[in-house]
Amino acid sequence: MQRELAAARQRDEIPDTLVLVEHPHVLTLGRGAHSENLLASADMQVFAVERGGDVTYHGPGQLCGYPILYLREDERNVRLYLRRLEEAIIQTLAEFAIEAGRRPGLTGVWAGPHKLASLGVAVRRWVTLHGFALNVCTELERFSAINPCGLPASVMGSMTGILGRPVAVAEVRAPLLRHLATALERRWTEEERGDCMSPLPKG
């Protein structure tokens, strides 16, 4: 779906679009993946993908966002784009009283010793693919199948774990959409296709 949407965006056939999904249990290998970081796939499928970064896990209870955006001339800095995605997640977590931030030299969002969100993107003809994964109520034991982004699985955390109470993905979706709109300087429209895709207007 992402590849089809990105191709359509490159042809200017669709507006900027955001895909929000919860995946089934799956492992993905980024362009910088190291084979030694895949420990045991168990019952999970493994896919090689276009994004940067190493190996990571996706699954139920994790909110994944894939912005398919045409980067305007003043936005064509991948590091800046990653920082904007991180900022949207940091501000979303703040609404749940979770103090989160960045770690020097690492991509992602952390709350104390725990990594709550991972990021990995690709850019093709200035159109973005892939994006971020925020652990809301994720089965953290699934990370034991890998060294996530080259780190020990024990660093991974979730909003539910930090708060000590259940947090549903549905609770996080609206504030995340709001903060992504601010960070990415886009304005959401009312239209939605299904539960996972929300178009953004051009420009």
N, C-alpha and C. Protein backbone atom coordinates (compact mmCIF):
# COMPACT_ATOMS: atom_id res chain seq x y z
N MET A 1 0.83 -1.20 0.00
CA MET A 1 0.00 0.00 0.00
C MET A 1 0.87 1.27 0.00
N GLN A 2 1.91 1.24 0.85
CA GLN A 2 2.78 2.41 0.91
C GLN A 2 3.43 2.71 -0.44
N ARG A 3 3.90 1.69 -1.10
CA ARG A 3 4.56 1.90 -2.39
C ARG A 3 3.59 2.46 -3.41
N GLU A 4 2.37 1.94 -3.42
CA GLU A 4 1.35 2.44 -4.35
C GLU A 4 1.01 3.89 -4.06
N LEU A 5 0.84 4.21 -2.77
CA LEU A 5 0.52 5.58 -2.39
C LEU A 5 1.67 6.53 -2.71
N ALA A 6 2.90 6.09 -2.46
CA ALA A 6 4.05 6.94 -2.74
C ALA A 6 4.16 7.23 -4.24
N ALA A 7 3.93 6.20 -5.06
CA ALA A 7 3.98 6.40 -6.51
C ALA A 7 2.90 7.37 -6.95
N ALA A 8 1.71 7.24 -6.37
CA ALA A 8 0.61 8.14 -6.71
C ALA A 8 0.93 9.56 -6.25
N ARG A 9 1.58 9.69 -5.08
CA ARG A 9 1.93 11.03 -4.60
C ARG A 9 2.99 11.66 -5.48
N GLN A 10 3.95 10.86 -5.95
CA GLN A 10 4.98 11.37 -6.85
C GLN A 10 4.36 11.90 -8.14
N ARG A 11 3.28 11.25 -8.59
CA ARG A 11 2.58 11.70 -9.80
C ARG A 11 1.58 12.81 -9.51
N ASP A 12 1.50 13.22 -8.25
CA ASP A 12 0.58 14.28 -7.82
C ASP A 12 -0.88 13.88 -8.04
N GLU A 13 -1.16 12.60 -7.91
CA GLU A 13 -2.52 12.10 -8.09
C GLU A 13 -3.31 12.08 -6.78
N ILE A 14 -2.61 12.13 -5.65
CA ILE A 14 -3.26 12.14 -4.34
C ILE A 14 -2.61 13.22 -3.49
N PRO A 15 -3.29 13.67 -2.45
CA PRO A 15 -2.66 14.62 -1.52
C PRO A 15 -1.72 13.88 -0.57
N ASP A 16 -1.00 14.62 0.25
CA ASP A 16 -0.23 14.02 1.32
C ASP A 16 -1.16 13.16 2.17
N THR A 17 -0.67 11.99 2.56
CA THR A 17 -1.53 10.99 3.21
C THR A 17 -0.79 10.37 4.39
N LEU A 18 -1.53 10.06 5.43
CA LEU A 18 -0.98 9.37 6.59
C LEU A 18 -1.70 8.05 6.77
N VAL A 19 -0.95 6.96 6.86
CA VAL A 19 -1.50 5.64 7.14
C VAL A 19 -1.21 5.30 8.60
N LEU A 20 -2.25 4.98 9.36
CA LEU A 20 -2.10 4.55 10.74
C LEU A 20 -2.59 3.11 10.84
N VAL A 21 -1.74 2.23 11.38
CA VAL A 21 -2.11 0.81 11.43
C VAL A 21 -1.60 0.15 12.71
N GLU A 22 -2.21 -0.97 13.04
CA GLU A 22 -1.66 -1.95 13.98
C GLU A 22 -1.36 -3.19 13.16
N HIS A 23 -0.14 -3.63 13.17
CA HIS A 23 0.25 -4.81 12.40
C HIS A 23 -0.03 -6.10 13.18
N PRO A 24 -0.17 -7.22 12.49
CA PRO A 24 -0.03 -8.51 13.16
C PRO A 24 1.44 -8.66 13.57
N HIS A 25 1.77 -9.69 14.34
CA HIS A 25 3.15 -9.89 14.77
C HIS A 25 4.06 -10.07 13.56
N VAL A 26 5.05 -9.18 13.43
CA VAL A 26 5.94 -9.22 12.27
C VAL A 26 7.27 -8.58 12.63
N LEU A 27 8.34 -9.02 11.98
CA LEU A 27 9.66 -8.41 12.12
C LEU A 27 10.04 -7.78 10.79
N THR A 28 10.63 -6.58 10.84
CA THR A 28 11.07 -5.95 9.60
C THR A 28 12.55 -5.62 9.69
N LEU A 29 13.22 -5.78 8.57
CA LEU A 29 14.65 -5.52 8.46
C LEU A 29 14.86 -4.29 7.61
N GLY A 30 15.43 -3.23 8.20
CA GLY A 30 15.73 -2.03 7.46
C GLY A 30 16.98 -2.19 6.61
N ARG A 31 17.31 -1.13 5.88
CA ARG A 31 18.47 -1.19 4.99
C ARG A 31 19.77 -1.40 5.75
N GLY A 32 19.81 -0.98 7.02
CA GLY A 32 21.02 -1.14 7.82
C GLY A 32 20.99 -2.33 8.74
N ALA A 33 20.13 -3.31 8.46
CA ALA A 33 19.95 -4.45 9.37
C ALA A 33 21.20 -5.31 9.44
N HIS A 34 21.51 -5.79 10.64
CA HIS A 34 22.60 -6.73 10.87
C HIS A 34 22.01 -8.09 11.23
N SER A 35 22.44 -9.13 10.55
CA SER A 35 21.85 -10.45 10.73
C SER A 35 21.95 -10.93 12.18
N GLU A 36 22.98 -10.52 12.90
CA GLU A 36 23.14 -10.98 14.28
C GLU A 36 22.09 -10.40 15.23
N ASN A 37 21.36 -9.38 14.77
CA ASN A 37 20.32 -8.78 15.61
C ASN A 37 18.96 -9.48 15.45
N LEU A 38 18.87 -10.42 14.53
CA LEU A 38 17.68 -11.25 14.41
C LEU A 38 17.97 -12.56 15.13
N LEU A 39 17.41 -12.72 16.32
CA LEU A 39 17.76 -13.84 17.19
C LEU A 39 16.91 -15.07 16.93
N ALA A 40 15.58 -14.87 16.84
CA ALA A 40 14.67 -16.00 16.61
C ALA A 40 13.33 -15.44 16.14
N SER A 41 12.94 -15.77 14.92
CA SER A 41 11.70 -15.20 14.39
C SER A 41 10.46 -15.87 14.96
N ALA A 42 10.62 -17.08 15.52
CA ALA A 42 9.49 -17.81 16.13
C ALA A 42 8.34 -17.91 15.14
N ASP A 43 7.14 -17.46 15.54
CA ASP A 43 5.97 -17.56 14.67
C ASP A 43 5.76 -16.30 13.85
N MET A 44 6.75 -15.43 13.79
CA MET A 44 6.58 -14.14 13.11
C MET A 44 7.22 -14.16 11.72
N GLN A 45 6.51 -13.54 10.77
CA GLN A 45 7.08 -13.37 9.44
C GLN A 45 8.15 -12.29 9.48
N VAL A 46 9.10 -12.39 8.55
CA VAL A 46 10.19 -11.43 8.47
C VAL A 46 10.18 -10.80 7.09
N PHE A 47 10.23 -9.46 7.04
CA PHE A 47 10.21 -8.74 5.77
C PHE A 47 11.37 -7.75 5.71
N ALA A 48 12.04 -7.71 4.57
CA ALA A 48 13.03 -6.67 4.30
C ALA A 48 12.29 -5.48 3.71
N VAL A 49 12.55 -4.28 4.22
CA VAL A 49 11.83 -3.08 3.79
C VAL A 49 12.81 -1.96 3.43
N GLU A 50 12.25 -0.88 2.85
CA GLU A 50 13.09 0.19 2.31
C GLU A 50 13.61 1.17 3.35
N ARG A 51 13.04 1.17 4.53
CA ARG A 51 13.39 2.20 5.51
C ARG A 51 14.85 2.05 5.96
N GLY A 52 15.35 3.11 6.56
CA GLY A 52 16.65 3.04 7.20
C GLY A 52 16.55 2.29 8.52
N GLY A 53 17.69 2.01 9.10
CA GLY A 53 17.69 1.38 10.42
C GLY A 53 17.88 -0.12 10.38
N ASP A 54 17.77 -0.72 11.54
CA ASP A 54 18.07 -2.13 11.75
C ASP A 54 16.78 -2.94 11.81
N VAL A 55 16.76 -3.96 12.63
CA VAL A 55 15.60 -4.84 12.74
C VAL A 55 14.67 -4.32 13.83
N THR A 56 13.36 -4.45 13.62
CA THR A 56 12.40 -4.08 14.65
C THR A 56 11.18 -4.99 14.58
N TYR A 57 10.38 -4.89 15.62
CA TYR A 57 9.15 -5.69 15.74
C TYR A 57 7.95 -4.77 15.62
N HIS A 58 6.89 -5.26 14.96
CA HIS A 58 5.60 -4.59 14.94
C HIS A 58 4.53 -5.60 15.34
N GLY A 59 3.50 -5.11 16.03
CA GLY A 59 2.44 -6.03 16.41
C GLY A 59 1.27 -5.31 17.05
N PRO A 60 0.27 -6.06 17.47
CA PRO A 60 -0.91 -5.49 18.13
C PRO A 60 -0.52 -4.67 19.36
N GLY A 61 -1.25 -3.59 19.58
CA GLY A 61 -0.96 -2.72 20.70
C GLY A 61 0.10 -1.69 20.41
N GLN A 62 0.58 -1.68 19.18
CA GLN A 62 1.60 -0.71 18.75
C GLN A 62 0.99 0.11 17.61
N LEU A 63 1.03 1.42 17.74
CA LEU A 63 0.46 2.30 16.72
C LEU A 63 1.57 2.72 15.76
N CYS A 64 1.44 2.28 14.51
CA CYS A 64 2.42 2.61 13.48
C CYS A 64 1.87 3.70 12.56
N GLY A 65 2.69 4.68 12.27
CA GLY A 65 2.28 5.76 11.38
C GLY A 65 3.22 5.87 10.21
N TYR A 66 2.65 5.91 9.02
CA TYR A 66 3.42 6.00 7.79
C TYR A 66 2.99 7.23 7.00
N PRO A 67 3.65 8.37 7.19
CA PRO A 67 3.32 9.55 6.39
C PRO A 67 3.84 9.40 4.95
N ILE A 68 2.95 9.61 4.02
CA ILE A 68 3.32 9.63 2.58
C ILE A 68 3.24 11.09 2.18
N LEU A 69 4.33 11.80 2.37
CA LEU A 69 4.35 13.25 2.20
C LEU A 69 5.30 13.66 1.09
N TYR A 70 4.90 14.66 0.32
CA TYR A 70 5.84 15.30 -0.59
C TYR A 70 6.53 16.41 0.19
N LEU A 71 7.82 16.26 0.40
CA LEU A 71 8.56 17.24 1.17
C LEU A 71 8.79 18.49 0.34
N ARG A 72 8.30 19.61 0.86
CA ARG A 72 8.51 20.87 0.19
C ARG A 72 9.99 21.24 0.24
N GLU A 73 10.38 22.22 -0.56
CA GLU A 73 11.80 22.54 -0.69
C GLU A 73 12.44 22.86 0.66
N ASP A 74 11.71 23.56 1.53
CA ASP A 74 12.27 23.92 2.83
C ASP A 74 12.20 22.79 3.85
N GLU A 75 11.68 21.62 3.45
CA GLU A 75 11.58 20.47 4.35
C GLU A 75 12.56 19.36 4.00
N ARG A 76 13.38 19.56 2.99
CA ARG A 76 14.19 18.47 2.44
C ARG A 76 15.46 18.21 3.23
N ASN A 77 15.23 17.82 4.47
CA ASN A 77 16.30 17.48 5.40
C ASN A 77 15.78 16.29 6.21
N VAL A 78 16.30 15.11 5.95
CA VAL A 78 15.74 13.90 6.57
C VAL A 78 15.89 13.93 8.09
N ARG A 79 17.00 14.45 8.59
CA ARG A 79 17.16 14.54 10.04
C ARG A 79 16.10 15.45 10.66
N LEU A 80 15.83 16.58 10.01
CA LEU A 80 14.78 17.48 10.50
C LEU A 80 13.43 16.79 10.48
N TYR A 81 13.16 16.04 9.43
CA TYR A 81 11.90 15.31 9.33
C TYR A 81 11.75 14.30 10.47
N LEU A 82 12.82 13.57 10.77
CA LEU A 82 12.79 12.62 11.88
C LEU A 82 12.55 13.33 13.22
N ARG A 83 13.21 14.48 13.40
CA ARG A 83 13.03 15.22 14.66
C ARG A 83 11.58 15.69 14.80
N ARG A 84 10.94 16.05 13.69
CA ARG A 84 9.54 16.48 13.74
C ARG A 84 8.61 15.32 14.11
N LEU A 85 8.89 14.14 13.58
CA LEU A 85 8.10 12.97 13.97
C LEU A 85 8.28 12.69 15.45
N GLU A 86 9.52 12.75 15.92
CA GLU A 86 9.79 12.53 17.33
C GLU A 86 9.05 13.54 18.19
N GLU A 87 9.06 14.80 17.77
CA GLU A 87 8.41 15.85 18.56
C GLU A 87 6.91 15.60 18.68
N ALA A 88 6.29 15.16 17.61
CA ALA A 88 4.85 14.85 17.66
C ALA A 88 4.57 13.75 18.68
N ILE A 89 5.44 12.75 18.73
CA ILE A 89 5.27 11.65 19.69
C ILE A 89 5.52 12.13 21.11
N ILE A 90 6.55 12.94 21.30
CA ILE A 90 6.86 13.48 22.63
C ILE A 90 5.68 14.29 23.16
N GLN A 91 5.09 15.12 22.32
CA GLN A 91 3.95 15.94 22.75
C GLN A 91 2.71 15.08 23.01
N THR A 92 2.55 14.02 22.24
CA THR A 92 1.44 13.09 22.48
C THR A 92 1.59 12.42 23.83
N LEU A 93 2.79 11.94 24.13
CA LEU A 93 3.03 11.28 25.41
C LEU A 93 2.83 12.24 26.58
N ALA A 94 3.14 13.51 26.37
CA ALA A 94 2.95 14.49 27.44
C ALA A 94 1.48 14.60 27.84
N GLU A 95 0.58 14.38 26.89
CA GLU A 95 -0.85 14.43 27.21
C GLU A 95 -1.26 13.28 28.13
N PHE A 96 -0.43 12.27 28.21
CA PHE A 96 -0.69 11.14 29.10
C PHE A 96 0.22 11.20 30.35
N ALA A 97 0.78 12.39 30.58
CA ALA A 97 1.66 12.61 31.74
C ALA A 97 2.91 11.73 31.69
N ILE A 98 3.38 11.44 30.49
CA ILE A 98 4.64 10.71 30.31
C ILE A 98 5.69 11.70 29.84
N GLU A 99 6.73 11.91 30.65
CA GLU A 99 7.81 12.81 30.27
C GLU A 99 8.79 12.04 29.39
N ALA A 100 8.83 12.42 28.14
CA ALA A 100 9.64 11.69 27.17
C ALA A 100 10.58 12.64 26.44
N GLY A 101 11.59 12.07 25.80
CA GLY A 101 12.54 12.89 25.06
C GLY A 101 13.40 12.04 24.15
N ARG A 102 14.51 12.63 23.73
CA ARG A 102 15.43 11.98 22.81
C ARG A 102 16.70 11.57 23.55
N ARG A 103 17.48 10.72 22.90
CA ARG A 103 18.82 10.37 23.40
C ARG A 103 19.83 10.76 22.34
N PRO A 104 20.90 11.45 22.74
CA PRO A 104 21.92 11.88 21.77
C PRO A 104 22.45 10.70 20.96
N GLY A 105 22.49 10.89 19.66
CA GLY A 105 23.04 9.87 18.77
C GLY A 105 22.10 8.75 18.41
N LEU A 106 20.89 8.74 18.99
CA LEU A 106 19.93 7.67 18.71
C LEU A 106 18.62 8.27 18.18
N THR A 107 18.01 7.58 17.24
CA THR A 107 16.71 7.99 16.74
C THR A 107 15.63 7.29 17.54
N GLY A 108 14.58 8.01 17.90
CA GLY A 108 13.49 7.41 18.66
C GLY A 108 13.08 8.29 19.81
N VAL A 109 12.12 7.80 20.59
CA VAL A 109 11.60 8.54 21.74
C VAL A 109 11.71 7.66 22.98
N TRP A 110 12.22 8.25 24.06
CA TRP A 110 12.51 7.52 25.28
C TRP A 110 11.79 8.15 26.48
N ALA A 111 11.43 7.33 27.44
CA ALA A 111 10.94 7.80 28.74
C ALA A 111 11.83 7.14 29.79
N GLY A 112 12.74 7.92 30.36
CA GLY A 112 13.73 7.34 31.26
C GLY A 112 14.57 6.31 30.53
N PRO A 113 14.73 5.10 31.08
CA PRO A 113 15.56 4.08 30.43
C PRO A 113 14.84 3.31 29.33
N HIS A 114 13.56 3.63 29.10
CA HIS A 114 12.75 2.82 28.19
C HIS A 114 12.50 3.54 26.85
N LYS A 115 12.68 2.79 25.78
CA LYS A 115 12.39 3.31 24.45
C LYS A 115 10.93 3.01 24.12
N LEU A 116 10.15 4.06 23.90
CA LEU A 116 8.72 3.89 23.63
C LEU A 116 8.39 3.96 22.15
N ALA A 117 9.22 4.59 21.36
CA ALA A 117 8.92 4.74 19.92
C ALA A 117 10.18 4.58 19.10
N SER A 118 10.05 3.85 17.99
CA SER A 118 11.14 3.66 17.04
C SER A 118 10.77 4.34 15.73
N LEU A 119 11.78 4.85 15.02
CA LEU A 119 11.55 5.52 13.75
C LEU A 119 12.47 4.96 12.68
N GLY A 120 11.97 4.90 11.47
CA GLY A 120 12.76 4.51 10.31
C GLY A 120 12.03 4.96 9.07
N VAL A 121 12.69 5.72 8.22
CA VAL A 121 12.01 6.30 7.06
C VAL A 121 12.78 6.03 5.78
N ALA A 122 12.10 6.26 4.68
CA ALA A 122 12.71 6.27 3.36
C ALA A 122 12.16 7.48 2.62
N VAL A 123 12.93 8.00 1.70
CA VAL A 123 12.49 9.13 0.88
C VAL A 123 12.80 8.81 -0.57
N ARG A 124 11.79 8.86 -1.41
CA ARG A 124 11.94 8.58 -2.84
C ARG A 124 11.37 9.75 -3.64
N ARG A 125 12.26 10.42 -4.40
CA ARG A 125 11.84 11.60 -5.17
C ARG A 125 11.11 12.59 -4.26
N TRP A 126 11.64 12.76 -3.08
CA TRP A 126 11.13 13.68 -2.06
C TRP A 126 9.75 13.31 -1.53
N VAL A 127 9.35 12.07 -1.70
CA VAL A 127 8.14 11.54 -1.07
C VAL A 127 8.56 10.54 0.01
N THR A 128 8.00 10.68 1.21
CA THR A 128 8.39 9.86 2.34
C THR A 128 7.60 8.56 2.40
N LEU A 129 8.25 7.52 2.93
CA LEU A 129 7.61 6.24 3.23
C LEU A 129 8.04 5.81 4.63
N HIS A 130 7.35 4.81 5.16
CA HIS A 130 7.61 4.29 6.50
C HIS A 130 7.48 5.42 7.51
N GLY A 131 7.97 5.27 8.72
CA GLY A 131 7.73 6.32 9.70
C GLY A 131 8.07 5.89 11.11
N PHE A 132 7.04 5.67 11.95
CA PHE A 132 7.29 5.45 13.38
C PHE A 132 6.41 4.34 13.91
N ALA A 133 6.82 3.79 15.05
CA ALA A 133 6.04 2.79 15.78
C ALA A 133 6.05 3.17 17.25
N LEU A 134 4.88 3.43 17.81
CA LEU A 134 4.74 3.83 19.21
C LEU A 134 4.14 2.67 20.00
N ASN A 135 4.86 2.22 21.03
CA ASN A 135 4.39 1.11 21.85
C ASN A 135 3.35 1.62 22.85
N VAL A 136 2.10 1.27 22.62
CA VAL A 136 1.02 1.70 23.50
C VAL A 136 0.77 0.63 24.55
N CYS A 137 0.30 -0.53 24.11
CA CYS A 137 0.06 -1.67 25.02
C CYS A 137 0.64 -2.92 24.37
N THR A 138 1.82 -2.78 23.85
CA THR A 138 2.50 -3.81 23.07
C THR A 138 2.96 -4.98 23.95
N GLU A 139 2.97 -6.18 23.39
CA GLU A 139 3.54 -7.35 24.07
C GLU A 139 5.07 -7.23 24.01
N LEU A 140 5.65 -6.65 25.03
CA LEU A 140 7.08 -6.34 24.99
C LEU A 140 7.95 -7.58 24.91
N GLU A 141 7.45 -8.72 25.38
CA GLU A 141 8.25 -9.94 25.31
C GLU A 141 8.56 -10.34 23.87
N ARG A 142 7.77 -9.83 22.93
CA ARG A 142 8.04 -10.14 21.52
C ARG A 142 9.38 -9.57 21.06
N PHE A 143 9.84 -8.50 21.70
CA PHE A 143 11.12 -7.91 21.32
C PHE A 143 12.29 -8.83 21.64
N SER A 144 12.08 -9.86 22.47
CA SER A 144 13.17 -10.76 22.81
C SER A 144 13.65 -11.58 21.62
N ALA A 145 12.88 -11.56 20.52
CA ALA A 145 13.29 -12.26 19.30
C ALA A 145 14.38 -11.51 18.55
N ILE A 146 14.65 -10.26 18.96
CA ILE A 146 15.60 -9.43 18.23
C ILE A 146 16.42 -8.59 19.21
N ASN A 147 17.44 -7.94 18.66
CA ASN A 147 18.07 -6.80 19.33
C ASN A 147 17.50 -5.58 18.62
N PRO A 148 16.45 -4.98 19.17
CA PRO A 148 15.74 -3.91 18.44
C PRO A 148 16.64 -2.72 18.15
N CYS A 149 16.81 -2.44 16.86
CA CYS A 149 17.69 -1.35 16.42
C CYS A 149 19.09 -1.53 17.00
N GLY A 150 19.48 -2.79 17.22
CA GLY A 150 20.81 -3.09 17.74
C GLY A 150 20.93 -2.97 19.25
N LEU A 151 19.81 -2.69 19.94
CA LEU A 151 19.82 -2.51 21.39
C LEU A 151 19.29 -3.76 22.08
N PRO A 152 19.58 -3.96 23.37
CA PRO A 152 18.98 -5.09 24.07
C PRO A 152 17.47 -4.94 24.18
N ALA A 153 16.76 -6.04 24.11
CA ALA A 153 15.29 -5.99 24.14
C ALA A 153 14.76 -5.37 25.42
N SER A 154 15.55 -5.44 26.49
CA SER A 154 15.09 -4.93 27.79
C SER A 154 14.86 -3.43 27.81
N VAL A 155 15.40 -2.70 26.82
CA VAL A 155 15.20 -1.24 26.82
C VAL A 155 13.80 -0.86 26.35
N MET A 156 13.10 -1.76 25.68
CA MET A 156 11.81 -1.41 25.11
C MET A 156 10.75 -1.28 26.20
N GLY A 157 9.94 -0.25 26.10
CA GLY A 157 8.87 -0.02 27.05
C GLY A 157 7.59 0.32 26.32
N SER A 158 6.53 0.49 27.08
CA SER A 158 5.22 0.84 26.50
C SER A 158 4.55 1.87 27.38
N MET A 159 3.56 2.54 26.82
CA MET A 159 2.79 3.51 27.60
C MET A 159 2.09 2.82 28.77
N THR A 160 1.53 1.65 28.51
CA THR A 160 0.87 0.89 29.57
C THR A 160 1.84 0.56 30.70
N GLY A 161 3.05 0.14 30.35
CA GLY A 161 4.04 -0.20 31.36
C GLY A 161 4.48 1.01 32.16
N ILE A 162 4.68 2.14 31.49
CA ILE A 162 5.12 3.35 32.18
C ILE A 162 4.06 3.86 33.14
N LEU A 163 2.80 3.84 32.68
CA LEU A 163 1.72 4.39 33.49
C LEU A 163 1.18 3.42 34.52
N GLY A 164 1.43 2.13 34.33
CA GLY A 164 0.92 1.13 35.25
C GLY A 164 -0.58 0.94 35.18
N ARG A 165 -1.14 1.26 34.03
CA ARG A 165 -2.57 1.06 33.78
C ARG A 165 -2.77 0.78 32.31
N PRO A 166 -3.86 0.14 31.94
CA PRO A 166 -4.09 -0.13 30.52
C PRO A 166 -4.29 1.17 29.72
N VAL A 167 -3.68 1.23 28.57
CA VAL A 167 -3.88 2.32 27.62
C VAL A 167 -4.25 1.68 26.29
N ALA A 168 -5.35 2.08 25.71
CA ALA A 168 -5.79 1.53 24.42
C ALA A 168 -5.24 2.37 23.27
N VAL A 169 -4.97 1.71 22.16
CA VAL A 169 -4.49 2.42 20.97
C VAL A 169 -5.47 3.51 20.56
N ALA A 170 -6.76 3.24 20.69
CA ALA A 170 -7.79 4.21 20.30
C ALA A 170 -7.66 5.51 21.08
N GLU A 171 -7.16 5.46 22.33
CA GLU A 171 -7.00 6.66 23.15
C GLU A 171 -5.89 7.56 22.60
N VAL A 172 -4.94 6.96 21.94
CA VAL A 172 -3.73 7.67 21.52
C VAL A 172 -3.90 8.29 20.13
N ARG A 173 -4.78 7.72 19.35
CA ARG A 173 -4.87 8.10 17.94
C ARG A 173 -5.17 9.60 17.75
N ALA A 174 -6.18 10.12 18.41
CA ALA A 174 -6.58 11.52 18.20
C ALA A 174 -5.50 12.51 18.61
N PRO A 175 -4.92 12.40 19.82
CA PRO A 175 -3.85 13.34 20.16
C PRO A 175 -2.64 13.22 19.24
N LEU A 176 -2.33 12.01 18.81
CA LEU A 176 -1.20 11.83 17.90
C LEU A 176 -1.47 12.52 16.57
N LEU A 177 -2.66 12.38 16.04
CA LEU A 177 -3.00 13.05 14.78
C LEU A 177 -2.86 14.57 14.93
N ARG A 178 -3.30 15.09 16.06
CA ARG A 178 -3.23 16.53 16.28
C ARG A 178 -1.79 17.02 16.33
N HIS A 179 -0.95 16.29 17.04
CA HIS A 179 0.45 16.72 17.17
C HIS A 179 1.24 16.47 15.89
N LEU A 180 0.89 15.45 15.13
CA LEU A 180 1.54 15.26 13.83
C LEU A 180 1.20 16.41 12.89
N ALA A 181 -0.04 16.86 12.91
CA ALA A 181 -0.45 17.98 12.06
C ALA A 181 0.38 19.23 12.39
N THR A 182 0.59 19.46 13.69
CA THR A 182 1.38 20.62 14.11
C THR A 182 2.83 20.46 13.71
N ALA A 183 3.42 19.32 14.02
CA ALA A 183 4.84 19.10 13.77
C ALA A 183 5.17 19.11 12.28
N LEU A 184 4.27 18.55 11.48
CA LEU A 184 4.52 18.45 10.04
C LEU A 184 3.97 19.63 9.26
N GLU A 185 3.33 20.56 9.96
CA GLU A 185 2.78 21.77 9.35
C GLU A 185 1.81 21.44 8.23
N ARG A 186 0.94 20.50 8.52
CA ARG A 186 -0.15 20.15 7.62
C ARG A 186 -1.48 20.37 8.37
N ARG A 187 -2.55 20.37 7.63
CA ARG A 187 -3.87 20.54 8.23
C ARG A 187 -4.73 19.35 7.82
N TRP A 188 -5.27 18.66 8.82
CA TRP A 188 -6.07 17.47 8.52
C TRP A 188 -7.41 17.84 7.89
N THR A 189 -7.87 17.00 7.01
CA THR A 189 -9.22 17.13 6.47
C THR A 189 -10.14 16.19 7.23
N GLU A 190 -11.43 16.31 6.99
CA GLU A 190 -12.41 15.45 7.65
C GLU A 190 -12.45 14.06 7.03
N GLU A 191 -12.08 13.96 5.75
CA GLU A 191 -12.23 12.70 5.01
C GLU A 191 -11.33 11.61 5.55
N GLU A 192 -11.85 10.38 5.61
CA GLU A 192 -11.04 9.21 5.96
C GLU A 192 -11.47 8.05 5.09
N ARG A 193 -10.50 7.21 4.72
CA ARG A 193 -10.79 5.99 3.98
C ARG A 193 -10.46 4.82 4.89
N GLY A 194 -11.50 4.13 5.38
CA GLY A 194 -11.28 3.05 6.32
C GLY A 194 -10.85 3.61 7.67
N ASP A 195 -10.22 2.79 8.48
CA ASP A 195 -9.80 3.21 9.81
C ASP A 195 -8.34 3.63 9.87
N CYS A 196 -7.62 3.48 8.77
CA CYS A 196 -6.18 3.63 8.89
C CYS A 196 -5.60 4.75 8.04
N MET A 197 -6.38 5.41 7.21
CA MET A 197 -5.79 6.37 6.29
C MET A 197 -6.51 7.70 6.37
N SER A 198 -5.75 8.77 6.60
CA SER A 198 -6.33 10.11 6.69
C SER A 198 -5.58 11.04 5.74
N PRO A 199 -6.24 11.52 4.68
CA PRO A 199 -5.54 12.40 3.74
C PRO A 199 -5.23 13.76 4.36
N LEU A 200 -4.16 14.35 3.87
CA LEU A 200 -3.80 15.71 4.19
C LEU A 200 -3.87 16.51 2.89
N PRO A 201 -4.22 17.78 2.95
CA PRO A 201 -4.24 18.58 1.73
C PRO A 201 -2.83 18.89 1.26
N LYS A 202 -2.69 19.13 -0.03
CA LYS A 202 -1.39 19.54 -0.58
C LYS A 202 -0.98 20.86 0.04
N GLY A 203 0.33 20.96 0.28
CA GLY A 203 0.85 22.22 0.78
C GLY A 203 0.45 22.48 2.19
